[in-house]
Amino acid sequence: MSARFALRLTATTLAVALSLVNARADPEGARKDINAMAVTVFPPFEFADASGNLVGFDIDILNGIASKMGAQVNWTQSSFAQIISFAPLKTKRTDILSSAIGDTPERRASVNFIDYVYQPYVSVSKQV
């Protein structure tokens, strides 16, 4: 082995070792919890099944996003009155509210909306 190669190998090894020794705890690798509240009376978007488990389209979406982030969602059932007040967000009891809440300019002034369903109610009939 040449002296030049040995010097490069030693310098690289030393640099890696020092970066590992001086590395601070990285929150990226830590498990994250997302606290979410849902009004569970809007099937198929969010509802409680016969066992009391929260299920539905909205539940699946947030659980899927959290999984990709390496996080876990802690779901809490809530009333529509509590959600529409946005008090759980303002008091930091929850991170996300999930419900069929109309996105209005007045509401948008105090919270952020993620509008992914624009027409939640669709009627389908068989043509005769």
C-alpha atoms as a PDB file:
ATOM      1  CA  MET A   1       0.000   0.000   0.000  1.00  0.00           C
ATOM      2  CA  SER A   2       1.356   3.390  -0.926  1.00  0.00           C
ATOM      3  CA  ALA A   3       1.971   6.047   1.702  1.00  0.00           C
ATOM      4  CA  ARG A   4      -0.399   8.417  -0.100  1.00  0.00           C
ATOM      5  CA  PHE A   5      -3.252   5.873  -0.048  1.00  0.00           C
ATOM      6  CA  ALA A   6      -2.609   5.065   3.632  1.00  0.00           C
ATOM      7  CA  LEU A   7      -2.702   8.774   4.486  1.00  0.00           C
ATOM      8  CA  ARG A   8      -6.036   9.243   2.646  1.00  0.00           C
ATOM      9  CA  LEU A   9      -7.505   6.155   4.314  1.00  0.00           C
ATOM     10  CA  THR A  10      -6.400   7.355   7.743  1.00  0.00           C
ATOM     11  CA  ALA A  11      -7.768  10.873   7.149  1.00  0.00           C
ATOM     12  CA  THR A  12     -11.105   9.502   5.913  1.00  0.00           C
ATOM     13  CA  THR A  13     -11.403   7.103   8.836  1.00  0.00           C
ATOM     14  CA  LEU A  14     -10.563   9.883  11.272  1.00  0.00           C
ATOM     15  CA  ALA A  15     -13.111  12.236   9.695  1.00  0.00           C
ATOM     16  CA  VAL A  16     -15.862   9.593   9.892  1.00  0.00           C
ATOM     17  CA  ALA A  17     -14.962   8.716  13.480  1.00  0.00           C
ATOM     18  CA  LEU A  18     -14.977  12.376  14.559  1.00  0.00           C
ATOM     19  CA  SER A  19     -18.308  13.026  12.884  1.00  0.00           C
ATOM     20  CA  LEU A  20     -19.823  10.074  14.721  1.00  0.00           C
ATOM     21  CA  VAL A  21     -18.359  11.086  18.076  1.00  0.00           C
ATOM     22  CA  ASN A  22     -19.484  14.699  17.763  1.00  0.00           C
ATOM     23  CA  ALA A  23     -22.903  13.903  16.320  1.00  0.00           C
ATOM     24  CA  ARG A  24     -25.796  15.130  18.433  1.00  0.00           C
ATOM     25  CA  ALA A  25     -28.979  13.175  18.926  1.00  0.00           C
ATOM     26  CA  ASP A  26     -30.968  13.564  15.728  1.00  0.00           C
ATOM     27  CA  PRO A  27     -34.728  13.908  16.137  1.00  0.00           C
ATOM     28  CA  GLU A  28     -35.161  12.656  12.551  1.00  0.00           C
ATOM     29  CA  GLY A  29     -34.683   9.091  13.703  1.00  0.00           C
ATOM     30  CA  ALA A  30     -36.914   9.453  16.754  1.00  0.00           C
ATOM     31  CA  ARG A  31     -40.421   8.034  16.724  1.00  0.00           C
ATOM     32  CA  LYS A  32     -42.948  10.824  16.326  1.00  0.00           C
ATOM     33  CA  ASP A  33     -46.505  10.953  17.575  1.00  0.00           C
ATOM     34  CA  ILE A  34     -49.230  12.897  15.803  1.00  0.00           C
ATOM     35  CA  ASN A  35     -52.276  13.652  17.916  1.00  0.00           C
ATOM     36  CA  ALA A  36     -55.420  13.751  15.805  1.00  0.00           C
ATOM     37  CA  MET A  37     -59.102  14.283  16.572  1.00  0.00           C
ATOM     38  CA  ALA A  38     -61.948  13.117  14.388  1.00  0.00           C
ATOM     39  CA  VAL A  39     -65.721  13.369  14.385  1.00  0.00           C
ATOM     40  CA  THR A  40     -66.543   9.737  13.761  1.00  0.00           C
ATOM     41  CA  VAL A  41     -70.038   9.999  12.296  1.00  0.00           C
ATOM     42  CA  PHE A  42     -69.190  10.602   8.642  1.00  0.00           C
ATOM     43  CA  PRO A  43     -68.831   7.213   6.893  1.00  0.00           C
ATOM     44  CA  PRO A  44     -67.004   6.415   4.659  1.00  0.00           C
ATOM     45  CA  PHE A  45     -64.627   9.241   5.624  1.00  0.00           C
ATOM     46  CA  GLU A  46     -64.392   8.660   9.373  1.00  0.00           C
ATOM     47  CA  PHE A  47     -66.411   6.445  11.665  1.00  0.00           C
ATOM     48  CA  ALA A  48     -66.067   3.922  14.467  1.00  0.00           C
ATOM     49  CA  ASP A  49     -66.542   0.280  13.505  1.00  0.00           C
ATOM     50  CA  ALA A  50     -68.436  -2.270  15.633  1.00  0.00           C
ATOM     51  CA  SER A  51     -65.323  -2.748  17.800  1.00  0.00           C
ATOM     52  CA  GLY A  52     -64.922   0.985  18.400  1.00  0.00           C
ATOM     53  CA  ASN A  53     -61.855   1.280  16.137  1.00  0.00           C
ATOM     54  CA  LEU A  54     -61.630   4.451  14.079  1.00  0.00           C
ATOM     55  CA  VAL A  55     -61.765   3.631  10.387  1.00  0.00           C
ATOM     56  CA  GLY A  56     -62.479   5.341   7.101  1.00  0.00           C
ATOM     57  CA  PHE A  57     -60.875   7.197   4.242  1.00  0.00           C
ATOM     58  CA  ASP A  58     -59.563  10.134   6.333  1.00  0.00           C
ATOM     59  CA  ILE A  59     -58.196   7.790   8.995  1.00  0.00           C
ATOM     60  CA  ASP A  60     -56.427   5.673   6.356  1.00  0.00           C
ATOM     61  CA  ILE A  61     -54.882   8.719   4.668  1.00  0.00           C
ATOM     62  CA  LEU A  62     -53.402  10.183   7.843  1.00  0.00           C
ATOM     63  CA  ASN A  63     -52.228   6.785   9.096  1.00  0.00           C
ATOM     64  CA  GLY A  64     -50.532   6.200   5.715  1.00  0.00           C
ATOM     65  CA  ILE A  65     -48.808   9.594   5.739  1.00  0.00           C
ATOM     66  CA  ALA A  66     -47.663   9.049   9.317  1.00  0.00           C
ATOM     67  CA  SER A  67     -46.305   5.625   8.434  1.00  0.00           C
ATOM     68  CA  LYS A  68     -44.202   7.124   5.629  1.00  0.00           C
ATOM     69  CA  MET A  69     -42.899   9.710   8.109  1.00  0.00           C
ATOM     70  CA  GLY A  70     -42.045   7.047  10.672  1.00  0.00           C
ATOM     71  CA  ALA A  71     -44.729   8.409  12.983  1.00  0.00           C
ATOM     72  CA  GLN A  72     -47.782   7.063  14.743  1.00  0.00           C
ATOM     73  CA  VAL A  73     -51.206   8.701  14.954  1.00  0.00           C
ATOM     74  CA  ASN A  74     -52.950   8.853  18.316  1.00  0.00           C
ATOM     75  CA  TRP A  75     -56.638   9.199  17.407  1.00  0.00           C
ATOM     76  CA  THR A  76     -59.265  10.745  19.693  1.00  0.00           C
ATOM     77  CA  GLN A  77     -62.977  10.903  18.976  1.00  0.00           C
ATOM     78  CA  SER A  78     -64.498  14.352  19.248  1.00  0.00           C
ATOM     79  CA  SER A  79     -67.732  16.237  18.757  1.00  0.00           C
ATOM     80  CA  PHE A  80     -68.344  18.501  15.799  1.00  0.00           C
ATOM     81  CA  ALA A  81     -68.880  21.466  18.164  1.00  0.00           C
ATOM     82  CA  GLN A  82     -65.435  20.962  19.684  1.00  0.00           C
ATOM     83  CA  ILE A  83     -63.763  20.604  16.297  1.00  0.00           C
ATOM     84  CA  ILE A  84     -65.478  23.596  14.711  1.00  0.00           C
ATOM     85  CA  SER A  85     -64.289  25.789  17.602  1.00  0.00           C
ATOM     86  CA  PHE A  86     -60.668  24.836  16.764  1.00  0.00           C
ATOM     87  CA  ALA A  87     -59.991  24.946  20.524  1.00  0.00           C
ATOM     88  CA  PRO A  88     -58.063  21.618  20.489  1.00  0.00           C
ATOM     89  CA  LEU A  89     -55.606  23.142  17.972  1.00  0.00           C
ATOM     90  CA  LYS A  90     -55.315  26.451  19.781  1.00  0.00           C
ATOM     91  CA  THR A  91     -54.633  24.766  23.130  1.00  0.00           C
ATOM     92  CA  LYS A  92     -52.252  22.241  21.482  1.00  0.00           C
ATOM     93  CA  ARG A  93     -54.291  19.240  22.652  1.00  0.00           C
ATOM     94  CA  THR A  94     -54.158  17.992  19.089  1.00  0.00           C
ATOM     95  CA  ASP A  95     -52.059  18.490  15.974  1.00  0.00           C
ATOM     96  CA  ILE A  96     -54.727  17.731  13.374  1.00  0.00           C
ATOM     97  CA  LEU A  97     -58.515  17.912  13.247  1.00  0.00           C
ATOM     98  CA  SER A  98     -60.221  15.573  10.808  1.00  0.00           C
ATOM     99  CA  SER A  99     -63.817  16.175   9.851  1.00  0.00           C
ATOM    100  CA  ALA A 100     -66.075  17.458   7.138  1.00  0.00           C
ATOM    101  CA  ILE A 101     -65.550  21.138   7.951  1.00  0.00           C
ATOM    102  CA  GLY A 102     -66.349  23.746   5.339  1.00  0.00           C
ATOM    103  CA  ASP A 103     -63.322  25.787   4.317  1.00  0.00           C
ATOM    104  CA  THR A 104     -64.449  29.395   4.609  1.00  0.00           C
ATOM    105  CA  PRO A 105     -62.383  32.597   4.541  1.00  0.00           C
ATOM    106  CA  GLU A 106     -63.290  33.284   8.195  1.00  0.00           C
ATOM    107  CA  ARG A 107     -62.100  29.853   9.330  1.00  0.00           C
ATOM    108  CA  ARG A 108     -59.013  30.039   7.126  1.00  0.00           C
ATOM    109  CA  ALA A 109     -57.968  33.150   9.048  1.00  0.00           C
ATOM    110  CA  SER A 110     -57.168  31.047  12.128  1.00  0.00           C
ATOM    111  CA  VAL A 111     -56.301  27.567  10.819  1.00  0.00           C
ATOM    112  CA  ASN A 112     -54.861  25.875   7.726  1.00  0.00           C
ATOM    113  CA  PHE A 113     -57.069  23.594   5.653  1.00  0.00           C
ATOM    114  CA  ILE A 114     -56.099  20.680   3.441  1.00  0.00           C
ATOM    115  CA  ASP A 115     -58.903  20.466   0.885  1.00  0.00           C
ATOM    116  CA  TYR A 116     -58.729  17.137  -0.886  1.00  0.00           C
ATOM    117  CA  VAL A 117     -62.449  16.454  -1.299  1.00  0.00           C
ATOM    118  CA  TYR A 118     -64.502  19.156  -2.942  1.00  0.00           C
ATOM    119  CA  GLN A 119     -67.798  17.287  -3.330  1.00  0.00           C
ATOM    120  CA  PRO A 120     -68.157  14.772  -0.516  1.00  0.00           C
ATOM    121  CA  TYR A 121     -71.728  13.807  -1.388  1.00  0.00           C
ATOM    122  CA  VAL A 122     -72.443  12.101  -4.686  1.00  0.00           C
ATOM    123  CA  SER A 123     -75.665  10.436  -5.748  1.00  0.00           C
ATOM    124  CA  VAL A 124     -75.551   7.498  -8.113  1.00  0.00           C
ATOM    125  CA  SER A 125     -78.617   6.018  -9.750  1.00  0.00           C
ATOM    126  CA  LYS A 126     -79.151   3.275 -12.256  1.00  0.00           C
ATOM    127  CA  GLN A 127     -80.279   4.522 -15.642  1.00  0.00           C
ATOM    128  CA  VAL A 128     -83.536   2.887 -16.728  1.00  0.00           C
END
